[in-house]
């Protein structure tokens, strides 16, 4: 077994910095190019609706194959084996919901945002306000995951571990610096390039990320003679858990001897996570806005088909990366570098490179995989920031504050200011969330999206009786339930490592106000969101059969679509 937590050489640092600067330079050039071709609100929000199904599918894949996928899931698999792979399964299956229920209908019915669809047959101001609040909340949760991954990656690339320094920076300072760098770059991408620039950046980064994951997977399998069974056996042995590493129950659904309640909560937490992952994709703002970048509903459907293929292959590769990290890097080395396992894939790249061609190859491979990880992070944060700033500008400012009287130029200017504000908030929050696994953070974002956005979106498309009161109640009810339960869960306080006594929650050890036992609120908050939407609808007398009929025709046929 090769330990990968050794000090990073100067050559490795130089190679990494050079590749990172080349990546940033290329993407900034694309952003400047796109800025010169962004002349209207349609260009800024939807890229002029000129992308093909393949192009949009690659951009969706880039959005989805984020730090959570490349860093978080690989880390989860390396630490928890089978249970870590559950994230990959949930993320992939979720696309069937998006394909069958959302993609075409949304493209036909809306203009720029989810709120365009939900508010079509309702009172505009309360619905658009609620949609904007929900969009920003979901985006911030998702942004946290990407920024935390960036901080962990920066520390690894600079070779900084706890107690060490580099250029006067401690490990914690380096992580904070990485978060700030990514935050600044995402603001630049969105404010200058809009959807057109962001989409081309995402397309390029999808290619970089897939190439990096595929190359590393092939090299790992080559070390084992392409015998995946042998790799799994070594991973199980190195994990310290033996055969249990390859079976469910190591992290979720854990059997706790003598404590049936703890066993029950663990099993329910697994069910809650699964529901959130499967339903959350169809409510993610940065995914929904991508359906408006294509010219018609057929292209939207093709986008999802391409995305499913791309993402499916990628998640199979994360299985190789996760087990490879467990077998080759080792659990102790992974935890020594990052206690949440977020750097397992880059550590694996360095170890594999060193075992094949010595230190120089290890440095080059680490630099390449790190660049791919940065590609994933930067493209996803840009998409998230664009989705939330677009909602604030288009839904809240243009249609609530200005009541539809703002010009396109004014609206786009507000979107750019909103991007700056959202980026600043995400940077600050991410600094306090560095101890959490990024895949876990994304699971929370999925729960919030499925609880707040999905009920209003689906009921608006398929329930004739649905009205303004139901939409507002569903969005706010699901949103407050999801966020509230997270605040009073072990995610925020009360979870402590029994061996070390260190806090595994956001707040330090000794602070404990957690009364909700599940770490993912989806099992409770998603049904509650639907319940609020249904009850709110039934308590209101508002109805508009003509508007519903018009929406139904538009969503199914595309007649009148933008």
Protein backbone atom coordinates (compact mmCIF):
# COMPACT_ATOMS: atom_id res chain seq x y z
CA UNK A 1 0.00 0.00 0.00
CA UNK A 2 1.35 3.43 -0.95
CA UNK A 3 0.77 6.34 1.38
CA UNK A 4 -0.20 9.53 -0.39
CA UNK A 5 -0.03 12.05 2.39
CA UNK A 6 3.64 12.86 1.98
CA UNK A 7 4.94 16.33 1.44
CA UNK A 8 4.28 17.61 -2.06
CA UNK A 9 7.45 18.43 -3.98
CA UNK A 10 8.23 21.83 -5.44
CA UNK A 11 7.95 20.34 -8.93
CA UNK A 12 4.46 19.08 -8.17
CA UNK A 13 3.42 22.49 -6.92
CA UNK A 14 4.78 24.19 -10.02
CA UNK A 15 3.09 21.71 -12.38
CA UNK A 16 -0.19 22.12 -10.55
CA UNK A 17 -0.06 25.89 -10.55
CA UNK A 18 0.82 25.98 -14.27
CA UNK A 19 -2.06 23.67 -15.23
CA UNK A 20 -4.47 25.58 -13.02
CA UNK A 21 -3.42 28.91 -14.56
CA UNK A 22 -3.77 27.50 -18.09
CA UNK A 23 -7.26 26.26 -17.25
CA UNK A 24 -8.31 29.56 -15.72
CA UNK A 25 -6.78 31.54 -18.59
CA UNK A 26 -8.61 29.48 -21.22
CA UNK A 27 -11.96 29.75 -19.46
CA UNK A 28 -11.58 33.47 -18.87
CA UNK A 29 -10.84 33.93 -22.58
CA UNK A 30 -14.07 32.10 -23.38
CA UNK A 31 -15.92 34.29 -20.91
CA UNK A 32 -14.63 37.49 -22.51
CA UNK A 33 -15.58 36.15 -25.95
CA UNK A 34 -19.09 35.35 -24.74
CA UNK A 35 -19.44 38.75 -23.10
CA UNK A 36 -19.02 40.44 -26.48
CA UNK A 37 -21.87 38.31 -27.84
CA UNK A 38 -24.27 38.80 -24.94
CA UNK A 39 -26.59 41.59 -26.08
CA UNK A 40 -30.01 40.75 -24.60
CA UNK A 41 -31.68 39.12 -21.60
CA UNK A 42 -32.21 35.98 -23.68
CA UNK A 43 -28.47 35.82 -24.35
CA UNK A 44 -27.62 36.32 -20.67
CA UNK A 45 -30.23 33.96 -19.18
CA UNK A 46 -30.57 31.31 -21.90
CA UNK A 47 -27.51 31.65 -24.15
CA UNK A 48 -29.70 32.76 -27.05
CA UNK A 49 -31.41 29.32 -27.03
CA UNK A 50 -28.89 28.22 -29.64
CA UNK A 51 -27.29 25.12 -28.09
CA UNK A 52 -27.87 21.64 -29.50
CA UNK A 53 -29.00 18.65 -27.47
CA UNK A 54 -25.45 17.26 -27.37
CA UNK A 55 -23.92 20.57 -26.32
CA UNK A 56 -26.53 21.13 -23.62
CA UNK A 57 -26.22 17.53 -22.48
CA UNK A 58 -22.49 18.00 -21.97
CA UNK A 59 -23.14 21.24 -20.08
CA UNK A 60 -25.71 19.49 -17.88
CA UNK A 61 -23.22 16.72 -17.23
CA UNK A 62 -20.60 19.30 -16.28
CA UNK A 63 -23.10 20.95 -13.94
CA UNK A 64 -23.93 17.60 -12.36
CA UNK A 65 -20.44 16.05 -12.25
CA UNK A 66 -19.37 18.52 -9.64
CA UNK A 67 -16.98 18.44 -6.71
CA UNK A 68 -19.54 16.23 -5.00
CA UNK A 69 -19.18 13.63 -7.73
CA UNK A 70 -15.47 13.70 -8.37
CA UNK A 71 -14.21 14.45 -4.87
CA UNK A 72 -17.07 13.68 -2.51
CA UNK A 73 -18.34 10.38 -3.88
CA UNK A 74 -14.86 9.01 -4.50
CA UNK A 75 -14.05 9.96 -0.90
CA UNK A 76 -17.22 8.38 0.46
CA UNK A 77 -16.54 5.12 -1.39
CA UNK A 78 -12.93 5.07 -0.19
CA UNK A 79 -14.07 5.39 3.44
CA UNK A 80 -17.38 3.52 3.46
CA UNK A 81 -17.27 1.20 0.46
CA UNK A 82 -20.70 0.06 -0.70
CA UNK A 83 -22.55 2.76 1.22
CA UNK A 84 -20.56 5.49 -0.51
CA UNK A 85 -21.66 4.19 -3.91
CA UNK A 86 -25.29 4.74 -2.94
CA UNK A 87 -24.81 8.41 -3.80
CA UNK A 88 -23.89 7.51 -7.38
CA UNK A 89 -26.94 5.30 -7.74
CA UNK A 90 -29.29 7.96 -6.38
CA UNK A 91 -27.82 10.74 -8.53
CA UNK A 92 -28.18 8.67 -11.71
CA UNK A 93 -31.69 7.31 -11.10
CA UNK A 94 -32.85 10.88 -10.43
CA UNK A 95 -32.48 11.70 -14.12
CA UNK A 96 -35.38 9.42 -15.01
CA UNK A 97 -37.67 11.72 -13.01
CA UNK A 98 -36.26 14.77 -14.78
CA UNK A 99 -36.60 13.12 -18.20
CA UNK A 100 -40.13 11.78 -17.80
CA UNK A 101 -41.78 14.57 -15.81
CA UNK A 102 -39.91 17.82 -16.28
CA UNK A 103 -37.59 18.39 -19.26
CA UNK A 104 -39.96 18.86 -22.21
CA UNK A 105 -42.83 20.34 -20.23
CA UNK A 106 -40.59 22.93 -18.62
CA UNK A 107 -38.96 23.93 -21.92
CA UNK A 108 -42.36 24.42 -23.55
CA UNK A 109 -43.91 26.35 -20.67
CA UNK A 110 -41.30 28.78 -19.38
CA UNK A 111 -38.98 31.50 -20.54
CA UNK A 112 -35.94 31.79 -18.24
CA UNK A 113 -36.69 30.32 -14.78
CA UNK A 114 -38.83 27.77 -12.96
CA UNK A 115 -41.03 30.61 -11.68
CA UNK A 116 -42.09 31.39 -15.26
CA UNK A 117 -43.87 28.03 -15.30
CA UNK A 118 -45.23 28.02 -11.76
CA UNK A 119 -46.58 31.58 -11.92
CA UNK A 120 -48.10 31.31 -15.41
CA UNK A 121 -51.66 30.70 -14.20
CA UNK A 122 -51.36 32.39 -10.79
CA UNK A 123 -50.77 35.74 -9.14
CA UNK A 124 -47.27 36.70 -10.18
CA UNK A 125 -45.78 38.55 -7.22
CA UNK A 126 -46.25 36.06 -4.32
CA UNK A 127 -45.31 33.04 -6.43
CA UNK A 128 -42.23 34.62 -7.99
CA UNK A 129 -41.05 35.88 -4.60
CA UNK A 130 -41.35 32.40 -3.10
CA UNK A 131 -39.59 30.84 -6.10
CA UNK A 132 -36.72 33.31 -5.85
CA UNK A 133 -36.25 32.61 -2.14
CA UNK A 134 -36.24 28.85 -2.74
CA UNK A 135 -33.87 29.09 -5.70
CA UNK A 136 -31.31 31.10 -3.76
CA UNK A 137 -31.53 28.79 -0.73
CA UNK A 138 -30.99 25.62 -2.77
CA UNK A 139 -28.17 27.23 -4.74
CA UNK A 140 -26.34 28.33 -1.59
CA UNK A 141 -26.51 24.80 -0.12
CA UNK A 142 -25.09 23.39 -3.35
CA UNK A 143 -22.48 26.13 -3.60
CA UNK A 144 -21.21 25.21 -0.14
CA UNK A 145 -20.28 21.76 -1.36
CA UNK A 146 -18.27 23.08 -4.29
CA UNK A 147 -16.42 25.69 -2.23
CA UNK A 148 -15.55 23.20 0.52
CA UNK A 149 -14.14 20.87 -2.14
CA UNK A 150 -12.07 23.72 -3.54
CA UNK A 151 -10.56 24.49 -0.14
CA UNK A 152 -9.58 20.87 0.48
CA UNK A 153 -8.08 20.61 -2.98
CA UNK A 154 -5.96 23.74 -2.58
CA UNK A 155 -4.46 22.42 0.67
CA UNK A 156 -3.58 19.11 -0.99
CA UNK A 157 -2.03 20.73 -4.04
CA UNK A 158 0.17 22.97 -1.95
CA UNK A 159 1.16 20.00 0.18
CA UNK A 160 -0.08 21.61 3.38
CA UNK A 161 -1.18 19.40 6.23
CA UNK A 162 -2.22 20.28 9.75
CA UNK A 163 0.68 21.91 11.59
CA UNK A 164 2.58 22.76 8.39
CA UNK A 165 2.90 26.03 6.48
CA UNK A 166 3.57 27.16 2.93
CA UNK A 167 4.45 30.76 2.01
CA UNK A 168 3.36 31.74 5.46
CA UNK A 169 -0.05 30.04 5.12
CA UNK A 170 -1.29 27.34 7.45
CA UNK A 171 -3.49 24.51 6.18
CA UNK A 172 -6.65 26.31 7.28
CA UNK A 173 -5.55 29.57 5.65
CA UNK A 174 -4.78 27.75 2.40
CA UNK A 175 -8.24 26.19 2.36
CA UNK A 176 -9.85 29.58 2.95
CA UNK A 177 -7.70 31.02 0.16
CA UNK A 178 -8.92 28.29 -2.20
CA UNK A 179 -12.53 29.04 -1.34
CA UNK A 180 -12.01 32.75 -2.03
CA UNK A 181 -10.26 32.10 -5.37
CA UNK A 182 -13.08 29.88 -6.62
CA UNK A 183 -15.68 32.36 -5.38
CA UNK A 184 -14.06 35.24 -7.25
CA UNK A 185 -13.74 33.22 -10.45
CA UNK A 186 -17.38 32.12 -10.42
CA UNK A 187 -18.48 35.74 -10.01
CA UNK A 188 -16.33 36.75 -13.00
CA UNK A 189 -17.70 33.90 -15.17
CA UNK A 190 -21.32 34.82 -14.49
CA UNK A 191 -21.10 38.60 -14.55
CA UNK A 192 -19.12 38.68 -17.80
CA UNK A 193 -20.19 35.60 -19.75
CA UNK A 194 -23.77 34.96 -18.67
CA UNK A 195 -25.32 31.68 -19.84
CA UNK A 196 -23.49 31.67 -23.16
CA UNK A 197 -20.04 31.89 -21.60
CA UNK A 198 -20.95 29.58 -18.71
CA UNK A 199 -22.25 26.89 -21.08
CA UNK A 200 -19.12 26.83 -23.23
CA UNK A 201 -16.97 26.69 -20.11
CA UNK A 202 -19.06 23.75 -18.90
CA UNK A 203 -18.78 21.91 -22.21
CA UNK A 204 -14.99 22.16 -22.19
CA UNK A 205 -14.77 21.17 -18.54
CA UNK A 206 -16.99 18.12 -19.10
CA UNK A 207 -14.36 16.87 -21.55
CA UNK A 208 -11.52 17.63 -19.14
CA UNK A 209 -13.24 15.92 -16.21
CA UNK A 210 -14.24 12.81 -18.13
CA UNK A 211 -10.72 12.50 -19.55
CA UNK A 212 -9.17 12.81 -16.10
CA UNK A 213 -11.51 10.30 -14.48
CA UNK A 214 -11.14 7.81 -17.35
CA UNK A 215 -7.33 8.07 -17.42
CA UNK A 216 -6.99 7.56 -13.68
CA UNK A 217 -9.46 4.64 -13.69
CA UNK A 218 -7.56 2.87 -16.48
CA UNK A 219 -4.25 3.32 -14.64
CA UNK A 220 -5.72 1.98 -11.40
CA UNK A 221 -7.16 -1.08 -13.15
CA UNK A 222 -3.87 -1.59 -14.99
CA UNK A 223 -2.05 -1.95 -11.66
CA UNK A 224 -4.42 -4.84 -10.87
CA UNK A 225 -4.27 -6.44 -14.30
CA UNK A 226 -7.78 -5.12 -14.98
CA UNK A 227 -9.09 -7.48 -12.31
CA UNK A 228 -11.73 -5.44 -10.49
CA UNK A 229 -12.38 -8.28 -8.05
CA UNK A 230 -8.78 -8.17 -6.88
CA UNK A 231 -9.04 -4.39 -6.45
CA UNK A 232 -12.16 -4.77 -4.31
CA UNK A 233 -10.50 -7.41 -2.15
CA UNK A 234 -7.47 -5.21 -1.51
CA UNK A 235 -9.72 -2.23 -0.77
CA UNK A 236 -11.71 -4.24 1.77
CA UNK A 237 -8.55 -5.48 3.45
CA UNK A 238 -6.94 -2.02 3.59
CA UNK A 239 -10.12 -0.37 4.86
CA UNK A 240 -9.90 -2.11 8.24
CA UNK A 241 -13.50 -3.29 7.91
CA UNK A 242 -12.93 -6.47 5.91
CA UNK A 243 -15.91 -7.93 4.08
CA UNK A 244 -18.23 -5.39 5.70
CA UNK A 245 -16.63 -2.74 3.46
CA UNK A 246 -18.26 -4.42 0.45
CA UNK A 247 -21.68 -4.76 2.06
CA UNK A 248 -24.39 -2.27 3.03
CA UNK A 249 -24.52 -1.02 6.61
CA UNK A 250 -21.11 0.51 7.20
CA UNK A 251 -22.39 4.10 7.19
CA UNK A 252 -26.14 3.87 6.58
CA UNK A 253 -28.63 1.42 8.00
CA UNK A 254 -26.13 0.52 10.71
CA UNK A 255 -27.18 -2.17 13.16
CA UNK A 256 -26.49 -0.80 16.67
CA UNK A 257 -26.44 -3.70 19.20
CA UNK A 258 -28.69 -3.07 22.18
CA UNK A 259 -30.11 0.18 20.77
CA UNK A 260 -33.09 -0.49 18.47
CA UNK A 261 -33.91 3.23 18.19
CA UNK A 262 -30.45 4.10 16.90
CA UNK A 263 -30.74 1.25 14.39
CA UNK A 264 -34.14 2.53 13.26
CA UNK A 265 -32.90 6.11 12.78
CA UNK A 266 -29.92 4.90 10.80
CA UNK A 267 -32.12 2.90 8.43
CA UNK A 268 -34.57 5.80 8.06
CA UNK A 269 -31.66 8.13 7.31
CA UNK A 270 -30.72 5.90 4.38
CA UNK A 271 -34.30 5.99 3.09
CA UNK A 272 -34.40 9.75 3.54
CA UNK A 273 -31.19 10.21 1.56
CA UNK A 274 -32.45 7.98 -1.25
CA UNK A 275 -35.72 9.89 -1.61
CA UNK A 276 -33.90 13.23 -1.62
CA UNK A 277 -31.40 12.14 -4.28
CA UNK A 278 -34.01 10.63 -6.61
CA UNK A 279 -36.47 13.54 -6.41
CA UNK A 280 -34.06 16.41 -5.93
CA UNK A 281 -32.66 16.69 -9.46
CA UNK A 282 -36.04 17.70 -10.90
CA UNK A 283 -36.10 20.67 -8.53
CA UNK A 284 -32.51 21.92 -8.83
CA UNK A 285 -32.53 25.49 -10.22
CA UNK A 286 -29.23 25.26 -12.10
CA UNK A 287 -30.44 22.10 -13.86
CA UNK A 288 -33.91 23.47 -14.68
CA UNK A 289 -32.57 26.64 -16.35
CA UNK A 290 -30.48 24.52 -18.71
CA UNK A 291 -33.64 23.36 -20.51
CA UNK A 292 -34.20 26.92 -21.73
CA UNK A 293 -30.88 27.05 -23.61
CA UNK A 294 -32.09 24.76 -26.42
CA UNK A 295 -34.43 25.76 -29.27
CA UNK A 296 -37.25 23.30 -28.61
CA UNK A 297 -38.62 20.50 -26.40
CA UNK A 298 -37.10 17.75 -28.55
CA UNK A 299 -33.65 19.21 -27.93
CA UNK A 300 -34.42 19.38 -24.20
CA UNK A 301 -35.24 15.65 -24.20
CA UNK A 302 -32.08 14.88 -26.17
CA UNK A 303 -30.10 16.93 -23.66
CA UNK A 304 -31.23 14.69 -20.85
CA UNK A 305 -30.49 11.53 -22.87
CA UNK A 306 -26.92 12.70 -23.53
CA UNK A 307 -26.52 13.77 -19.91
CA UNK A 308 -27.69 10.36 -18.62
CA UNK A 309 -25.14 8.56 -20.79
CA UNK A 310 -22.30 10.86 -19.79
CA UNK A 311 -23.15 10.84 -16.09
CA UNK A 312 -23.74 7.08 -16.03
CA UNK A 313 -20.26 6.35 -17.36
CA UNK A 314 -18.74 8.86 -14.97
CA UNK A 315 -20.34 7.31 -11.88
CA UNK A 316 -19.05 3.88 -12.87
CA UNK A 317 -15.60 5.45 -12.94
CA UNK A 318 -16.05 6.85 -9.42
CA UNK A 319 -16.46 3.26 -8.23
CA UNK A 320 -12.97 2.44 -9.51
CA UNK A 321 -11.56 5.66 -8.05
CA UNK A 322 -13.11 5.08 -4.63
CA UNK A 323 -12.00 1.48 -4.26
CA UNK A 324 -8.65 2.38 -5.78
CA UNK A 325 -8.09 5.09 -3.17
CA UNK A 326 -9.01 2.67 -0.38
CA UNK A 327 -6.62 0.00 -1.66
CA UNK A 328 -3.68 2.09 -2.86
CA UNK A 329 -3.74 5.25 -0.72
CA UNK A 330 -5.18 3.79 2.47
CA UNK A 331 -7.75 5.02 4.94
CA UNK A 332 -5.26 6.60 7.33
CA UNK A 333 -3.54 8.65 4.62
CA UNK A 334 -6.89 9.85 3.27
CA UNK A 335 -8.10 10.94 6.70
CA UNK A 336 -4.76 12.57 7.49
CA UNK A 337 -5.11 14.87 4.51
CA UNK A 338 -8.85 15.56 4.83
CA UNK A 339 -11.10 14.09 7.50
CA UNK A 340 -14.11 14.06 5.20
CA UNK A 341 -12.26 12.14 2.46
CA UNK A 342 -12.66 14.91 -0.12
CA UNK A 343 -9.08 14.55 -1.43
CA UNK A 344 -9.09 10.78 -1.99
CA UNK A 345 -9.13 11.02 -5.81
CA UNK A 346 -6.21 13.49 -6.12
CA UNK A 347 -4.23 11.49 -3.55
CA UNK A 348 -4.88 8.38 -5.64
CA UNK A 349 -3.59 10.16 -8.75
CA UNK A 350 -0.30 10.97 -7.05
CA UNK A 351 0.15 7.46 -5.65
CA UNK A 352 -0.64 5.75 -8.97
CA UNK A 353 1.70 8.07 -10.86
CA UNK A 354 4.53 7.45 -8.42
CA UNK A 355 4.05 3.68 -8.55
CA UNK A 356 4.19 3.67 -12.36
CA UNK A 357 6.80 6.30 -13.18
CA UNK A 358 8.15 7.71 -9.95
CA UNK A 359 7.81 11.17 -8.44
CA UNK A 360 7.73 13.25 -11.65
CA UNK A 361 4.84 11.25 -13.14
CA UNK A 362 3.04 11.38 -9.81
CA UNK A 363 3.34 15.17 -9.79
CA UNK A 364 2.07 15.48 -13.37
CA UNK A 365 -0.85 13.12 -12.81
CA UNK A 366 -1.78 14.89 -9.58
CA UNK A 367 -1.70 18.23 -11.41
CA UNK A 368 -3.91 16.90 -14.23
CA UNK A 369 -6.48 15.34 -11.90
CA UNK A 370 -6.47 18.48 -9.75
CA UNK A 371 -7.15 20.57 -12.86
CA UNK A 372 -10.05 18.26 -13.72
CA UNK A 373 -11.43 18.67 -10.20
CA UNK A 374 -11.12 22.44 -10.45
CA UNK A 375 -12.90 22.22 -13.79
CA UNK A 376 -15.79 20.45 -12.09
CA UNK A 377 -15.92 22.95 -9.26
CA UNK A 378 -15.71 26.09 -11.40
CA UNK A 379 -18.33 25.00 -13.93
CA UNK A 380 -20.82 23.98 -11.26
CA UNK A 381 -20.45 27.10 -9.13
CA UNK A 382 -20.87 29.26 -12.23
CA UNK A 383 -24.09 27.43 -13.14
CA UNK A 384 -25.45 27.73 -9.62
CA UNK A 385 -24.60 31.40 -9.33
CA UNK A 386 -26.19 32.12 -12.70
CA UNK A 387 -29.40 30.29 -11.77
CA UNK A 388 -29.82 32.10 -8.46
CA UNK A 389 -28.87 35.55 -9.77
CA UNK A 390 -31.21 35.09 -12.75
CA UNK A 391 -34.07 34.26 -10.40
CA UNK A 392 -33.39 37.29 -8.24
CA UNK A 393 -33.22 39.60 -11.25
CA UNK A 394 -35.92 38.14 -13.48
CA UNK A 395 -38.41 36.85 -10.90
CA UNK A 396 -38.00 39.15 -7.93
CA UNK A 397 -36.65 42.44 -9.27
CA UNK A 398 -38.27 42.62 -12.72
CA UNK A 399 -41.64 41.08 -11.87
CA UNK A 400 -42.10 41.83 -8.15
CA UNK A 401 -40.22 45.05 -7.42
CA UNK A 402 -40.59 46.68 -10.85
CA UNK A 403 -43.88 44.91 -11.75
CA UNK A 404 -42.68 44.10 -15.26
CA UNK A 405 -41.63 47.65 -16.11
CA UNK A 406 -37.84 47.14 -16.12
CA UNK A 407 -35.82 47.10 -19.31
CA UNK A 408 -33.73 44.09 -20.37
CA UNK A 409 -30.54 46.07 -19.82
CA UNK A 410 -31.60 46.99 -16.29
CA UNK A 411 -32.57 43.39 -15.52
CA UNK A 412 -29.23 42.00 -16.65
CA UNK A 413 -27.38 44.63 -14.60
CA UNK A 414 -29.28 43.55 -11.48
CA UNK A 415 -28.46 39.90 -12.24
CA UNK A 416 -24.76 40.73 -12.26
CA UNK A 417 -24.99 42.55 -8.93
CA UNK A 418 -26.93 39.59 -7.51
CA UNK A 419 -24.18 37.21 -8.66
CA UNK A 420 -21.64 39.25 -6.71
CA UNK A 421 -23.78 39.15 -3.55
CA UNK A 422 -24.53 35.43 -3.76
CA UNK A 423 -20.85 34.67 -4.34
CA UNK A 424 -19.87 36.64 -1.24
CA UNK A 425 -22.44 34.81 0.93
CA UNK A 426 -21.31 31.41 -0.37
CA UNK A 427 -17.66 32.20 0.40
CA UNK A 428 -18.42 33.15 4.00
CA UNK A 429 -20.65 30.12 4.69
CA UNK A 430 -18.22 27.67 3.07
CA UNK A 431 -15.45 28.74 5.42
CA UNK A 432 -17.50 27.33 8.33
CA UNK A 433 -18.48 24.09 6.56
CA UNK A 434 -15.04 22.72 5.72
CA UNK A 435 -15.30 19.60 7.90
CA UNK A 436 -18.29 18.16 6.01
CA UNK A 437 -18.09 15.77 3.07
CA UNK A 438 -19.10 17.55 -0.13
CA UNK A 439 -21.30 14.70 -1.35
CA UNK A 440 -23.17 14.87 1.94
CA UNK A 441 -23.70 18.63 1.53
CA UNK A 442 -25.13 18.08 -1.95
CA UNK A 443 -27.52 15.50 -0.48
CA UNK A 444 -28.88 18.28 1.71
CA UNK A 445 -29.26 20.58 -1.31
CA UNK A 446 -31.21 17.85 -3.10
CA UNK A 447 -33.53 17.51 -0.09
CA UNK A 448 -34.21 21.25 0.00
CA UNK A 449 -34.88 21.32 -3.78
CA UNK A 450 -37.24 18.35 -3.65
CA UNK A 451 -39.07 19.79 -0.64
CA UNK A 452 -39.56 23.36 -1.86
CA UNK A 453 -39.42 23.46 -5.67
CA UNK A 454 -40.67 20.07 -6.81
CA UNK A 455 -44.18 20.12 -5.23
CA UNK A 456 -45.06 23.48 -6.77
CA UNK A 457 -43.61 22.56 -10.16
CA UNK A 458 -45.30 19.16 -10.54
CA UNK A 459 -48.68 20.15 -9.10
CA UNK A 460 -48.77 23.23 -11.31
CA UNK A 461 -48.22 21.09 -14.41
CA UNK A 462 -50.55 18.21 -13.54
CA UNK A 463 -53.27 19.42 -11.11
CA UNK A 464 -56.08 21.54 -12.52
CA UNK A 465 -57.20 22.75 -9.07
CA UNK A 466 -53.75 24.06 -8.08
CA UNK A 467 -53.58 27.80 -7.30
CA UNK A 468 -51.49 30.64 -5.87
CA UNK A 469 -52.06 29.75 -2.21
CA UNK A 470 -50.99 26.17 -2.86
CA UNK A 471 -47.83 27.19 -4.71
CA UNK A 472 -46.74 29.64 -2.03
CA UNK A 473 -47.59 27.24 0.82
CA UNK A 474 -45.78 24.36 -0.90
CA UNK A 475 -42.60 26.32 -1.62
CA UNK A 476 -42.31 27.99 1.78
CA UNK A 477 -43.57 24.97 3.73
CA UNK A 478 -41.16 22.52 2.11
CA UNK A 479 -38.30 24.99 2.26
CA UNK A 480 -38.75 25.86 5.93
CA UNK A 481 -39.23 22.22 6.88
CA UNK A 482 -36.06 21.12 5.11
CA UNK A 483 -33.84 23.95 6.36
CA UNK A 484 -35.37 23.89 9.85
CA UNK A 485 -34.85 20.17 10.29
CA UNK A 486 -31.25 20.48 9.10
CA UNK A 487 -30.61 23.19 11.71
CA UNK A 488 -31.89 20.93 14.49
CA UNK A 489 -30.16 17.80 13.20
CA UNK A 490 -26.71 16.29 13.90
CA UNK A 491 -25.46 18.11 10.81
CA UNK A 492 -25.29 21.37 12.77
CA UNK A 493 -24.65 20.21 16.34
CA UNK A 494 -24.31 17.25 18.66
CA UNK A 495 -22.41 14.73 16.51
CA UNK A 496 -19.03 13.78 18.01
CA UNK A 497 -16.37 11.26 17.05
CA UNK A 498 -16.44 8.73 19.89
CA UNK A 499 -12.73 7.97 19.58
CA UNK A 500 -11.26 11.47 19.32
CA UNK A 501 -14.03 13.57 20.86
CA UNK A 502 -13.88 15.96 17.89
CA UNK A 503 -17.04 17.47 16.49
CA UNK A 504 -18.41 15.98 13.28
CA UNK A 505 -21.01 18.75 13.04
CA UNK A 506 -20.77 22.35 11.88
CA UNK A 507 -20.60 23.65 15.46
CA UNK A 508 -17.86 22.69 17.96
CA UNK A 509 -18.14 19.78 20.38
CA UNK A 510 -20.14 20.65 23.49
CA UNK A 511 -22.80 22.53 21.54
CA UNK A 512 -25.84 20.32 21.15
CA UNK A 513 -29.37 21.44 20.34
CA UNK A 514 -30.14 18.63 17.88
CA UNK A 515 -33.52 16.97 18.44
CA UNK A 516 -34.20 15.74 14.89
CA UNK A 517 -32.35 12.40 14.56
CA UNK A 518 -31.96 12.21 10.76
CA UNK A 519 -29.06 13.86 8.95
CA UNK A 520 -31.04 14.22 5.73
CA UNK A 521 -34.53 15.74 6.17
CA UNK A 522 -36.02 14.48 2.88
CA UNK A 523 -38.14 11.72 4.41
CA UNK A 524 -40.13 14.32 6.37
CA UNK A 525 -39.70 17.59 4.48
CA UNK A 526 -40.61 16.33 0.97
CA UNK A 527 -44.02 14.88 1.95
CA UNK A 528 -44.57 17.97 4.11
CA UNK A 529 -43.93 20.22 1.10
CA UNK A 530 -46.51 18.34 -0.98
CA UNK A 531 -48.95 18.38 1.95
CA UNK A 532 -48.60 22.15 2.37
CA UNK A 533 -49.20 22.65 -1.36
CA UNK A 534 -52.32 20.49 -1.34
CA UNK A 535 -53.79 21.99 1.85
CA UNK A 536 -53.03 25.55 0.70
CA UNK A 537 -54.78 24.87 -2.58
CA UNK A 538 -57.90 23.39 -0.96
CA UNK A 539 -58.20 26.29 1.50
CA UNK A 540 -58.30 28.84 -1.33
CA UNK A 541 -61.21 29.43 -3.70
CA UNK A 542 -58.99 30.72 -6.50
CA UNK A 543 -59.43 28.88 -9.80
CA UNK A 544 -58.65 29.64 -13.43
CA UNK A 545 -59.63 26.78 -15.71
CA UNK A 546 -58.81 28.74 -18.86
CA UNK A 547 -55.25 29.46 -17.72
CA UNK A 548 -54.71 25.82 -16.79
CA UNK A 549 -55.95 24.70 -20.20
CA UNK A 550 -53.61 27.16 -21.90
CA UNK A 551 -50.67 25.93 -19.82
CA UNK A 552 -51.54 22.32 -20.55
CA UNK A 553 -51.62 22.91 -24.30
CA UNK A 554 -48.36 24.86 -24.19
CA UNK A 555 -46.54 22.29 -22.04
CA UNK A 556 -47.59 19.32 -24.19
CA UNK A 557 -47.38 20.79 -27.68
CA UNK A 558 -44.99 23.73 -27.41
CA UNK A 559 -47.59 26.08 -28.91
CA UNK A 560 -46.71 29.59 -27.79
CA UNK A 561 -43.37 28.53 -26.31
CA UNK A 562 -40.67 31.19 -26.16
